[in-house]
Amino acid sequence: MGNCRAQDRWCLNNASLLDFLYRLDRPGFTSNSSGTIEAWTIHHNPASITTNIRIIIENKIARGIGSFMGTEADDFEDDNSSNAIIANPAMEYELSPWNFWMAAQPLPGQGLEDASHLSSISYTKFTDFSIPHSLEYGMRMRNLTSLQLLDFLREQLAEPSPVDMVATPIP
């Protein structure tokens, strides 16, 4: 992970770029997702990726930032081992899983433009998921499924209102 530039007025004590972004954006939730470059690295050095994932997860936990981990659409290594390396720390830390690999499988080319890039389509309404054709592309499906997971988490983590508490009998 890179560090902030010393001349950046927002940078404190040579903070990492993630620390810098967390401090500026103050997110309640973040996602982590990987792709082919990480898969190549995982294939050649799985311990380093696991260590990096743990550092990121622990940093978020320490800051009170909710998180979910996303698997990759490709199977660069032909045995899905990189998705397992991504999923194992997520399960260990009890983070919400985001199995993007599964969501991409029914798409043309499994949602991939080539071996390294999600397929995409460009038009002005890039966030309009009601256009059926747009959901045939990996990039759009990634955006939609991540938003669906965020919405699910929002519903699950929302504090019940007093009306909800009265209307729901407790056994």
N, C-alpha and C. Protein backbone atom coordinates (compact mmCIF):
# COMPACT_ATOMS: atom_id res chain seq x y z
N MET A 1 0.84 -1.17 0.00
CA MET A 1 0.00 0.00 0.00
C MET A 1 0.89 1.23 0.00
N GLY A 2 0.57 2.17 -0.87
CA GLY A 2 1.36 3.39 -0.96
C GLY A 2 1.09 4.33 0.20
N ASN A 3 1.93 5.33 0.29
CA ASN A 3 1.77 6.33 1.34
C ASN A 3 1.40 7.66 0.72
N CYS A 4 0.83 8.54 1.54
CA CYS A 4 0.51 9.89 1.12
C CYS A 4 1.81 10.62 0.81
N ARG A 5 1.72 11.64 0.01
CA ARG A 5 2.88 12.49 -0.25
C ARG A 5 3.06 13.43 0.94
N ALA A 6 4.27 13.62 1.35
CA ALA A 6 4.55 14.47 2.51
C ALA A 6 4.04 15.89 2.31
N GLN A 7 4.05 16.38 1.06
CA GLN A 7 3.62 17.76 0.81
C GLN A 7 2.09 17.89 0.80
N ASP A 8 1.36 16.79 0.84
CA ASP A 8 -0.10 16.84 0.84
C ASP A 8 -0.58 17.34 2.21
N ARG A 9 -1.30 18.44 2.23
CA ARG A 9 -1.72 19.03 3.49
C ARG A 9 -2.67 18.14 4.28
N TRP A 10 -3.28 17.13 3.65
CA TRP A 10 -4.20 16.23 4.34
C TRP A 10 -3.49 15.02 4.92
N CYS A 11 -2.26 14.81 4.52
CA CYS A 11 -1.52 13.62 4.94
C CYS A 11 -0.95 13.82 6.34
N LEU A 12 -1.13 12.83 7.20
CA LEU A 12 -0.62 12.89 8.57
C LEU A 12 0.34 11.73 8.83
N ASN A 13 1.48 12.03 9.35
CA ASN A 13 2.44 11.01 9.80
C ASN A 13 2.69 9.91 8.77
N ASN A 14 2.85 10.29 7.53
CA ASN A 14 3.16 9.33 6.47
C ASN A 14 2.12 8.19 6.41
N ALA A 15 0.86 8.54 6.52
CA ALA A 15 -0.24 7.57 6.53
C ALA A 15 -0.33 6.83 5.20
N SER A 16 -0.91 5.63 5.25
CA SER A 16 -1.15 4.88 4.02
C SER A 16 -2.27 5.56 3.24
N LEU A 17 -2.37 5.22 1.97
CA LEU A 17 -3.44 5.80 1.15
C LEU A 17 -4.82 5.41 1.70
N LEU A 18 -4.96 4.19 2.21
CA LEU A 18 -6.24 3.80 2.80
C LEU A 18 -6.55 4.64 4.03
N ASP A 19 -5.56 4.86 4.89
CA ASP A 19 -5.79 5.70 6.06
C ASP A 19 -6.23 7.10 5.63
N PHE A 20 -5.57 7.62 4.62
CA PHE A 20 -5.88 8.94 4.07
C PHE A 20 -7.34 8.98 3.59
N LEU A 21 -7.75 7.98 2.81
CA LEU A 21 -9.11 7.94 2.28
C LEU A 21 -10.14 7.74 3.39
N TYR A 22 -9.85 6.86 4.33
CA TYR A 22 -10.78 6.63 5.44
C TYR A 22 -10.99 7.91 6.23
N ARG A 23 -9.91 8.65 6.47
CA ARG A 23 -10.02 9.88 7.25
C ARG A 23 -10.82 10.94 6.50
N LEU A 24 -10.62 11.04 5.19
CA LEU A 24 -11.34 12.05 4.41
C LEU A 24 -12.79 11.67 4.15
N ASP A 25 -13.01 10.42 3.77
CA ASP A 25 -14.36 9.99 3.36
C ASP A 25 -15.23 9.53 4.52
N ARG A 26 -14.63 9.03 5.58
CA ARG A 26 -15.36 8.50 6.74
C ARG A 26 -16.46 7.52 6.33
N PRO A 27 -16.09 6.46 5.63
CA PRO A 27 -17.13 5.53 5.16
C PRO A 27 -17.71 4.71 6.31
N GLY A 28 -18.98 4.35 6.16
CA GLY A 28 -19.60 3.43 7.10
C GLY A 28 -19.38 1.99 6.66
N PHE A 29 -19.31 1.80 5.35
CA PHE A 29 -19.08 0.49 4.75
C PHE A 29 -18.12 0.64 3.59
N THR A 30 -17.34 -0.39 3.38
CA THR A 30 -16.47 -0.46 2.20
C THR A 30 -16.53 -1.87 1.65
N SER A 31 -16.14 -2.00 0.42
CA SER A 31 -16.04 -3.34 -0.17
C SER A 31 -14.60 -3.56 -0.60
N ASN A 32 -14.24 -4.80 -0.64
CA ASN A 32 -12.95 -5.21 -1.19
C ASN A 32 -13.26 -6.18 -2.31
N SER A 33 -12.68 -5.96 -3.45
CA SER A 33 -12.83 -6.93 -4.52
C SER A 33 -11.50 -7.06 -5.23
N SER A 34 -11.29 -8.20 -5.82
CA SER A 34 -10.03 -8.50 -6.48
C SER A 34 -10.27 -8.78 -7.95
N GLY A 35 -9.19 -8.86 -8.67
CA GLY A 35 -9.27 -9.16 -10.09
C GLY A 35 -8.08 -10.02 -10.52
N THR A 36 -7.85 -10.06 -11.80
CA THR A 36 -6.85 -10.94 -12.37
C THR A 36 -5.44 -10.63 -11.89
N ILE A 37 -5.10 -9.37 -11.72
CA ILE A 37 -3.75 -9.03 -11.26
C ILE A 37 -3.53 -9.64 -9.87
N GLU A 38 -4.52 -9.50 -8.99
CA GLU A 38 -4.40 -10.11 -7.68
C GLU A 38 -4.37 -11.62 -7.79
N ALA A 39 -5.13 -12.18 -8.71
CA ALA A 39 -5.13 -13.64 -8.89
C ALA A 39 -3.74 -14.13 -9.28
N TRP A 40 -3.08 -13.40 -10.16
CA TRP A 40 -1.73 -13.77 -10.54
C TRP A 40 -0.81 -13.73 -9.33
N THR A 41 -0.93 -12.66 -8.53
CA THR A 41 -0.11 -12.52 -7.32
C THR A 41 -0.46 -13.62 -6.33
N ILE A 42 -1.74 -13.89 -6.16
CA ILE A 42 -2.17 -14.94 -5.24
C ILE A 42 -1.57 -16.27 -5.66
N HIS A 43 -1.63 -16.55 -6.96
CA HIS A 43 -1.13 -17.81 -7.48
C HIS A 43 0.37 -17.96 -7.19
N HIS A 44 1.09 -16.86 -7.26
CA HIS A 44 2.54 -16.90 -7.07
C HIS A 44 2.97 -16.63 -5.63
N ASN A 45 2.12 -15.98 -4.84
CA ASN A 45 2.48 -15.69 -3.45
C ASN A 45 1.22 -15.53 -2.59
N PRO A 46 0.52 -16.64 -2.34
CA PRO A 46 -0.75 -16.54 -1.60
C PRO A 46 -0.60 -15.97 -0.19
N ALA A 47 0.52 -16.22 0.45
CA ALA A 47 0.70 -15.72 1.83
C ALA A 47 0.70 -14.19 1.86
N SER A 48 1.28 -13.55 0.84
CA SER A 48 1.33 -12.08 0.84
C SER A 48 -0.07 -11.49 0.69
N ILE A 49 -0.89 -12.09 -0.15
CA ILE A 49 -2.25 -11.58 -0.34
C ILE A 49 -3.06 -11.78 0.93
N THR A 50 -2.95 -12.94 1.55
CA THR A 50 -3.68 -13.20 2.79
C THR A 50 -3.26 -12.19 3.86
N THR A 51 -1.97 -11.92 3.97
CA THR A 51 -1.48 -10.94 4.93
C THR A 51 -2.06 -9.56 4.64
N ASN A 52 -2.05 -9.15 3.38
CA ASN A 52 -2.59 -7.84 3.00
C ASN A 52 -4.09 -7.75 3.27
N ILE A 53 -4.82 -8.82 2.98
CA ILE A 53 -6.27 -8.83 3.25
C ILE A 53 -6.51 -8.68 4.75
N ARG A 54 -5.76 -9.39 5.56
CA ARG A 54 -5.91 -9.30 7.02
C ARG A 54 -5.60 -7.89 7.52
N ILE A 55 -4.55 -7.27 7.00
CA ILE A 55 -4.21 -5.89 7.41
C ILE A 55 -5.36 -4.94 7.09
N ILE A 56 -5.91 -5.07 5.89
CA ILE A 56 -7.02 -4.20 5.48
C ILE A 56 -8.23 -4.44 6.37
N ILE A 57 -8.57 -5.71 6.60
CA ILE A 57 -9.74 -6.04 7.43
C ILE A 57 -9.54 -5.50 8.85
N GLU A 58 -8.39 -5.75 9.43
CA GLU A 58 -8.15 -5.31 10.82
C GLU A 58 -8.15 -3.79 10.93
N ASN A 59 -7.65 -3.12 9.91
CA ASN A 59 -7.68 -1.65 9.88
C ASN A 59 -9.13 -1.16 9.89
N LYS A 60 -9.97 -1.79 9.10
CA LYS A 60 -11.38 -1.39 9.06
C LYS A 60 -12.07 -1.67 10.38
N ILE A 61 -11.82 -2.83 10.96
CA ILE A 61 -12.43 -3.17 12.24
C ILE A 61 -12.03 -2.15 13.30
N ALA A 62 -10.75 -1.79 13.34
CA ALA A 62 -10.26 -0.82 14.33
C ALA A 62 -10.94 0.54 14.16
N ARG A 63 -11.32 0.87 12.94
CA ARG A 63 -11.98 2.15 12.66
C ARG A 63 -13.50 2.07 12.74
N GLY A 64 -14.04 0.87 12.96
CA GLY A 64 -15.49 0.72 13.02
C GLY A 64 -16.15 0.78 11.65
N ILE A 65 -15.41 0.44 10.61
CA ILE A 65 -15.94 0.46 9.25
C ILE A 65 -16.43 -0.94 8.89
N GLY A 66 -17.70 -1.04 8.50
CA GLY A 66 -18.24 -2.30 8.03
C GLY A 66 -17.63 -2.65 6.68
N SER A 67 -17.62 -3.92 6.36
CA SER A 67 -16.95 -4.32 5.12
C SER A 67 -17.55 -5.59 4.56
N PHE A 68 -17.41 -5.75 3.27
CA PHE A 68 -17.68 -7.04 2.64
C PHE A 68 -16.60 -7.31 1.62
N MET A 69 -16.33 -8.58 1.42
CA MET A 69 -15.25 -9.01 0.52
C MET A 69 -15.87 -9.64 -0.72
N GLY A 70 -15.39 -9.23 -1.88
CA GLY A 70 -15.90 -9.77 -3.13
C GLY A 70 -14.91 -10.68 -3.81
N THR A 71 -15.42 -11.76 -4.36
CA THR A 71 -14.57 -12.65 -5.14
C THR A 71 -14.42 -12.09 -6.54
N GLU A 72 -13.52 -12.65 -7.29
CA GLU A 72 -13.27 -12.19 -8.65
C GLU A 72 -14.09 -12.99 -9.65
N ALA A 73 -14.31 -12.43 -10.81
CA ALA A 73 -15.12 -13.09 -11.84
C ALA A 73 -14.33 -14.17 -12.57
N ASP A 74 -13.04 -13.95 -12.73
CA ASP A 74 -12.25 -14.91 -13.50
C ASP A 74 -11.76 -16.05 -12.62
N ASP A 75 -11.27 -17.08 -13.28
CA ASP A 75 -10.64 -18.21 -12.60
C ASP A 75 -9.27 -18.39 -13.24
N PHE A 76 -8.45 -17.38 -13.10
CA PHE A 76 -7.13 -17.31 -13.71
C PHE A 76 -6.31 -18.57 -13.45
N GLU A 77 -6.45 -19.10 -12.25
CA GLU A 77 -5.60 -20.21 -11.83
C GLU A 77 -6.21 -21.58 -12.13
N ASP A 78 -7.42 -21.62 -12.70
CA ASP A 78 -8.11 -22.84 -13.09
C ASP A 78 -8.50 -23.77 -11.94
N ASP A 79 -8.45 -23.30 -10.71
CA ASP A 79 -8.91 -24.13 -9.60
C ASP A 79 -9.66 -23.30 -8.55
N ASN A 80 -9.93 -22.04 -8.88
CA ASN A 80 -10.65 -21.11 -8.02
C ASN A 80 -9.97 -20.89 -6.67
N SER A 81 -8.68 -21.18 -6.58
CA SER A 81 -7.97 -21.04 -5.31
C SER A 81 -7.86 -19.59 -4.87
N SER A 82 -7.78 -18.65 -5.81
CA SER A 82 -7.67 -17.25 -5.39
C SER A 82 -8.96 -16.78 -4.72
N ASN A 83 -10.10 -17.25 -5.20
CA ASN A 83 -11.36 -16.89 -4.54
C ASN A 83 -11.43 -17.48 -3.13
N ALA A 84 -10.87 -18.67 -2.94
CA ALA A 84 -10.82 -19.25 -1.60
C ALA A 84 -9.92 -18.42 -0.69
N ILE A 85 -8.79 -17.95 -1.23
CA ILE A 85 -7.87 -17.13 -0.44
C ILE A 85 -8.54 -15.81 -0.05
N ILE A 86 -9.40 -15.29 -0.89
CA ILE A 86 -10.14 -14.06 -0.58
C ILE A 86 -11.24 -14.36 0.44
N ALA A 87 -11.95 -15.46 0.24
CA ALA A 87 -13.10 -15.78 1.08
C ALA A 87 -12.72 -16.23 2.48
N ASN A 88 -11.60 -16.94 2.63
CA ASN A 88 -11.25 -17.48 3.95
C ASN A 88 -11.08 -16.41 5.03
N PRO A 89 -10.29 -15.35 4.80
CA PRO A 89 -10.21 -14.31 5.84
C PRO A 89 -11.56 -13.62 6.08
N ALA A 90 -12.33 -13.45 5.02
CA ALA A 90 -13.65 -12.83 5.18
C ALA A 90 -14.52 -13.66 6.12
N MET A 91 -14.50 -14.97 5.95
CA MET A 91 -15.28 -15.84 6.83
C MET A 91 -14.70 -15.83 8.24
N GLU A 92 -13.38 -15.84 8.35
CA GLU A 92 -12.74 -15.83 9.67
C GLU A 92 -13.13 -14.59 10.47
N TYR A 93 -13.20 -13.44 9.80
CA TYR A 93 -13.56 -12.19 10.48
C TYR A 93 -15.07 -11.93 10.45
N GLU A 94 -15.83 -12.90 9.94
CA GLU A 94 -17.29 -12.83 9.87
C GLU A 94 -17.78 -11.62 9.09
N LEU A 95 -17.13 -11.38 7.94
CA LEU A 95 -17.56 -10.31 7.05
C LEU A 95 -18.60 -10.87 6.09
N SER A 96 -19.41 -9.99 5.57
CA SER A 96 -20.42 -10.41 4.60
C SER A 96 -19.74 -10.84 3.31
N PRO A 97 -20.09 -12.01 2.81
CA PRO A 97 -19.50 -12.46 1.55
C PRO A 97 -20.20 -11.83 0.35
N TRP A 98 -19.46 -11.64 -0.70
CA TRP A 98 -20.01 -11.17 -1.97
C TRP A 98 -19.43 -12.08 -3.04
N ASN A 99 -20.19 -13.08 -3.42
CA ASN A 99 -19.70 -14.06 -4.39
C ASN A 99 -19.97 -13.54 -5.80
N PHE A 100 -19.14 -12.59 -6.21
CA PHE A 100 -19.29 -12.04 -7.54
C PHE A 100 -18.98 -13.08 -8.61
N TRP A 101 -18.10 -14.01 -8.31
CA TRP A 101 -17.79 -15.07 -9.26
C TRP A 101 -19.07 -15.79 -9.68
N MET A 102 -19.92 -16.11 -8.70
CA MET A 102 -21.16 -16.82 -9.01
C MET A 102 -22.10 -15.95 -9.84
N ALA A 103 -22.19 -14.67 -9.51
CA ALA A 103 -23.07 -13.77 -10.26
C ALA A 103 -22.61 -13.61 -11.70
N ALA A 104 -21.31 -13.71 -11.95
CA ALA A 104 -20.77 -13.50 -13.30
C ALA A 104 -20.86 -14.75 -14.18
N GLN A 105 -21.01 -15.92 -13.60
CA GLN A 105 -20.99 -17.16 -14.38
C GLN A 105 -22.04 -17.23 -15.49
N PRO A 106 -23.29 -16.81 -15.27
CA PRO A 106 -24.28 -16.92 -16.36
C PRO A 106 -24.12 -15.86 -17.46
N LEU A 107 -23.25 -14.88 -17.26
CA LEU A 107 -23.09 -13.81 -18.25
C LEU A 107 -22.29 -14.30 -19.45
N PRO A 108 -22.48 -13.68 -20.61
CA PRO A 108 -21.64 -14.03 -21.76
C PRO A 108 -20.17 -13.87 -21.40
N GLY A 109 -19.37 -14.90 -21.65
CA GLY A 109 -17.95 -14.87 -21.33
C GLY A 109 -17.69 -14.79 -19.84
N GLN A 110 -18.65 -15.21 -19.01
CA GLN A 110 -18.58 -15.11 -17.55
C GLN A 110 -18.30 -13.67 -17.11
N GLY A 111 -18.82 -12.71 -17.88
CA GLY A 111 -18.68 -11.30 -17.52
C GLY A 111 -17.33 -10.70 -17.84
N LEU A 112 -16.53 -11.43 -18.62
CA LEU A 112 -15.17 -10.96 -18.92
C LEU A 112 -15.06 -10.54 -20.38
N GLU A 113 -14.40 -9.41 -20.59
CA GLU A 113 -14.08 -8.93 -21.94
C GLU A 113 -12.93 -9.75 -22.52
N ASP A 114 -11.95 -10.00 -21.68
CA ASP A 114 -10.80 -10.83 -22.02
C ASP A 114 -10.34 -11.47 -20.71
N ALA A 115 -9.17 -12.03 -20.69
CA ALA A 115 -8.71 -12.74 -19.49
C ALA A 115 -8.52 -11.82 -18.28
N SER A 116 -8.42 -10.51 -18.49
CA SER A 116 -8.09 -9.61 -17.39
C SER A 116 -9.11 -8.53 -17.08
N HIS A 117 -10.13 -8.37 -17.91
CA HIS A 117 -11.03 -7.23 -17.74
C HIS A 117 -12.49 -7.64 -17.78
N LEU A 118 -13.28 -7.02 -16.90
CA LEU A 118 -14.72 -7.23 -16.94
C LEU A 118 -15.27 -6.60 -18.22
N SER A 119 -16.27 -7.24 -18.78
CA SER A 119 -16.92 -6.67 -19.95
C SER A 119 -17.75 -5.45 -19.52
N SER A 120 -17.90 -4.52 -20.43
CA SER A 120 -18.61 -3.29 -20.11
C SER A 120 -19.31 -2.74 -21.34
N ILE A 121 -20.25 -1.88 -21.11
CA ILE A 121 -20.93 -1.16 -22.18
C ILE A 121 -21.02 0.29 -21.73
N SER A 122 -20.90 1.19 -22.67
CA SER A 122 -20.90 2.61 -22.32
C SER A 122 -22.11 3.32 -22.92
N TYR A 123 -22.82 4.02 -22.08
CA TYR A 123 -23.87 4.93 -22.50
C TYR A 123 -24.16 5.84 -21.34
N THR A 124 -24.93 6.86 -21.57
CA THR A 124 -25.10 7.89 -20.55
C THR A 124 -25.78 7.40 -19.29
N LYS A 125 -26.66 6.43 -19.39
CA LYS A 125 -27.38 5.94 -18.20
C LYS A 125 -26.68 4.69 -17.66
N PHE A 126 -25.41 4.84 -17.29
CA PHE A 126 -24.63 3.68 -16.87
C PHE A 126 -25.07 3.10 -15.53
N THR A 127 -25.90 3.81 -14.78
CA THR A 127 -26.42 3.25 -13.53
C THR A 127 -27.88 2.84 -13.65
N ASP A 128 -28.42 2.83 -14.85
CA ASP A 128 -29.81 2.41 -15.06
C ASP A 128 -29.83 0.90 -15.25
N PHE A 129 -30.12 0.18 -14.17
CA PHE A 129 -30.11 -1.28 -14.22
C PHE A 129 -31.41 -1.85 -14.78
N SER A 130 -32.35 -0.98 -15.17
CA SER A 130 -33.60 -1.46 -15.74
C SER A 130 -33.45 -1.80 -17.22
N ILE A 131 -32.33 -1.47 -17.81
CA ILE A 131 -32.07 -1.81 -19.21
C ILE A 131 -31.53 -3.24 -19.23
N PRO A 132 -32.36 -4.22 -19.63
CA PRO A 132 -31.97 -5.62 -19.52
C PRO A 132 -30.63 -5.95 -20.19
N HIS A 133 -30.39 -5.38 -21.35
CA HIS A 133 -29.16 -5.69 -22.08
C HIS A 133 -27.92 -5.31 -21.28
N SER A 134 -28.01 -4.26 -20.47
CA SER A 134 -26.82 -3.81 -19.73
C SER A 134 -26.37 -4.84 -18.69
N LEU A 135 -27.29 -5.69 -18.24
CA LEU A 135 -26.94 -6.68 -17.23
C LEU A 135 -26.26 -7.92 -17.80
N GLU A 136 -25.92 -7.87 -19.09
CA GLU A 136 -25.15 -8.94 -19.70
C GLU A 136 -23.65 -8.66 -19.59
N TYR A 137 -23.28 -7.57 -18.94
CA TYR A 137 -21.88 -7.15 -18.86
C TYR A 137 -21.37 -7.25 -17.43
N GLY A 138 -20.14 -7.72 -17.29
CA GLY A 138 -19.55 -7.94 -15.98
C GLY A 138 -19.49 -6.70 -15.12
N MET A 139 -19.10 -5.57 -15.70
CA MET A 139 -18.97 -4.34 -14.93
C MET A 139 -20.32 -3.91 -14.35
N ARG A 140 -21.37 -4.01 -15.16
CA ARG A 140 -22.71 -3.63 -14.69
C ARG A 140 -23.20 -4.60 -13.62
N MET A 141 -22.94 -5.89 -13.83
CA MET A 141 -23.37 -6.88 -12.84
C MET A 141 -22.60 -6.68 -11.53
N ARG A 142 -21.32 -6.33 -11.62
CA ARG A 142 -20.56 -6.05 -10.40
C ARG A 142 -21.17 -4.86 -9.65
N ASN A 143 -21.49 -3.80 -10.38
CA ASN A 143 -22.10 -2.63 -9.75
C ASN A 143 -23.44 -2.97 -9.12
N LEU A 144 -24.27 -3.69 -9.85
CA LEU A 144 -25.60 -4.04 -9.34
C LEU A 144 -25.51 -4.94 -8.12
N THR A 145 -24.72 -6.00 -8.18
CA THR A 145 -24.67 -6.93 -7.07
C THR A 145 -24.04 -6.30 -5.82
N SER A 146 -23.09 -5.39 -6.01
CA SER A 146 -22.52 -4.72 -4.84
C SER A 146 -23.57 -3.79 -4.20
N LEU A 147 -24.36 -3.11 -5.02
CA LEU A 147 -25.43 -2.27 -4.48
C LEU A 147 -26.51 -3.11 -3.80
N GLN A 148 -26.81 -4.26 -4.37
CA GLN A 148 -27.79 -5.15 -3.75
C GLN A 148 -27.31 -5.63 -2.38
N LEU A 149 -26.03 -5.95 -2.28
CA LEU A 149 -25.49 -6.38 -1.00
C LEU A 149 -25.51 -5.24 0.01
N LEU A 150 -25.14 -4.04 -0.41
CA LEU A 150 -25.21 -2.88 0.48
C LEU A 150 -26.64 -2.65 0.97
N ASP A 151 -27.61 -2.78 0.08
CA ASP A 151 -29.00 -2.59 0.47
C ASP A 151 -29.43 -3.66 1.47
N PHE A 152 -29.03 -4.90 1.22
CA PHE A 152 -29.34 -5.98 2.15
C PHE A 152 -28.74 -5.69 3.53
N LEU A 153 -27.48 -5.28 3.55
CA LEU A 153 -26.82 -4.98 4.83
C LEU A 153 -27.50 -3.80 5.53
N ARG A 154 -27.88 -2.80 4.76
CA ARG A 154 -28.58 -1.65 5.33
C ARG A 154 -29.86 -2.10 6.02
N GLU A 155 -30.62 -2.97 5.35
CA GLU A 155 -31.86 -3.47 5.95
C GLU A 155 -31.60 -4.31 7.19
N GLN A 156 -30.56 -5.14 7.15
CA GLN A 156 -30.27 -6.02 8.27
C GLN A 156 -29.71 -5.28 9.48
N LEU A 157 -28.97 -4.22 9.21
CA LEU A 157 -28.30 -3.51 10.29
C LEU A 157 -29.06 -2.29 10.79
N ALA A 158 -30.14 -1.96 10.13
CA ALA A 158 -30.92 -0.79 10.55
C ALA A 158 -31.52 -1.05 11.92
N GLU A 159 -31.48 -0.04 12.75
CA GLU A 159 -32.10 -0.17 14.07
C GLU A 159 -33.61 -0.14 13.89
N PRO A 160 -34.32 -1.04 14.57
CA PRO A 160 -35.78 -1.03 14.43
C PRO A 160 -36.37 0.22 15.06
N SER A 161 -37.39 0.71 14.42
CA SER A 161 -38.09 1.86 14.99
C SER A 161 -38.98 1.36 16.13
N PRO A 162 -39.43 2.25 17.02
CA PRO A 162 -40.33 1.81 18.10
C PRO A 162 -41.57 1.12 17.57
N VAL A 163 -42.08 1.56 16.40
CA VAL A 163 -43.27 0.92 15.82
C VAL A 163 -42.95 -0.52 15.46
N ASP A 164 -41.76 -0.75 14.84
CA ASP A 164 -41.37 -2.12 14.48
C ASP A 164 -41.27 -3.00 15.71
N MET A 165 -40.78 -2.44 16.78
CA MET A 165 -40.59 -3.23 18.00
C MET A 165 -41.93 -3.63 18.59
N VAL A 166 -42.91 -2.76 18.51
CA VAL A 166 -44.24 -3.07 19.04
C VAL A 166 -44.94 -4.07 18.15
N ALA A 167 -44.78 -3.92 16.83
CA ALA A 167 -45.49 -4.75 15.87
C ALA A 167 -44.91 -6.15 15.79
N THR A 168 -43.69 -6.35 16.26
CA THR A 168 -43.04 -7.65 16.16
C THR A 168 -43.04 -8.32 17.54
N PRO A 169 -43.87 -9.36 17.72
CA PRO A 169 -43.88 -10.03 19.02
C PRO A 169 -42.55 -10.74 19.27
N ILE A 170 -42.09 -10.69 20.48
CA ILE A 170 -40.86 -11.37 20.87
C ILE A 170 -41.24 -12.66 21.56
N PRO A 171 -40.75 -13.79 21.06
CA PRO A 171 -41.14 -15.09 21.67
C PRO A 171 -40.56 -15.25 23.06
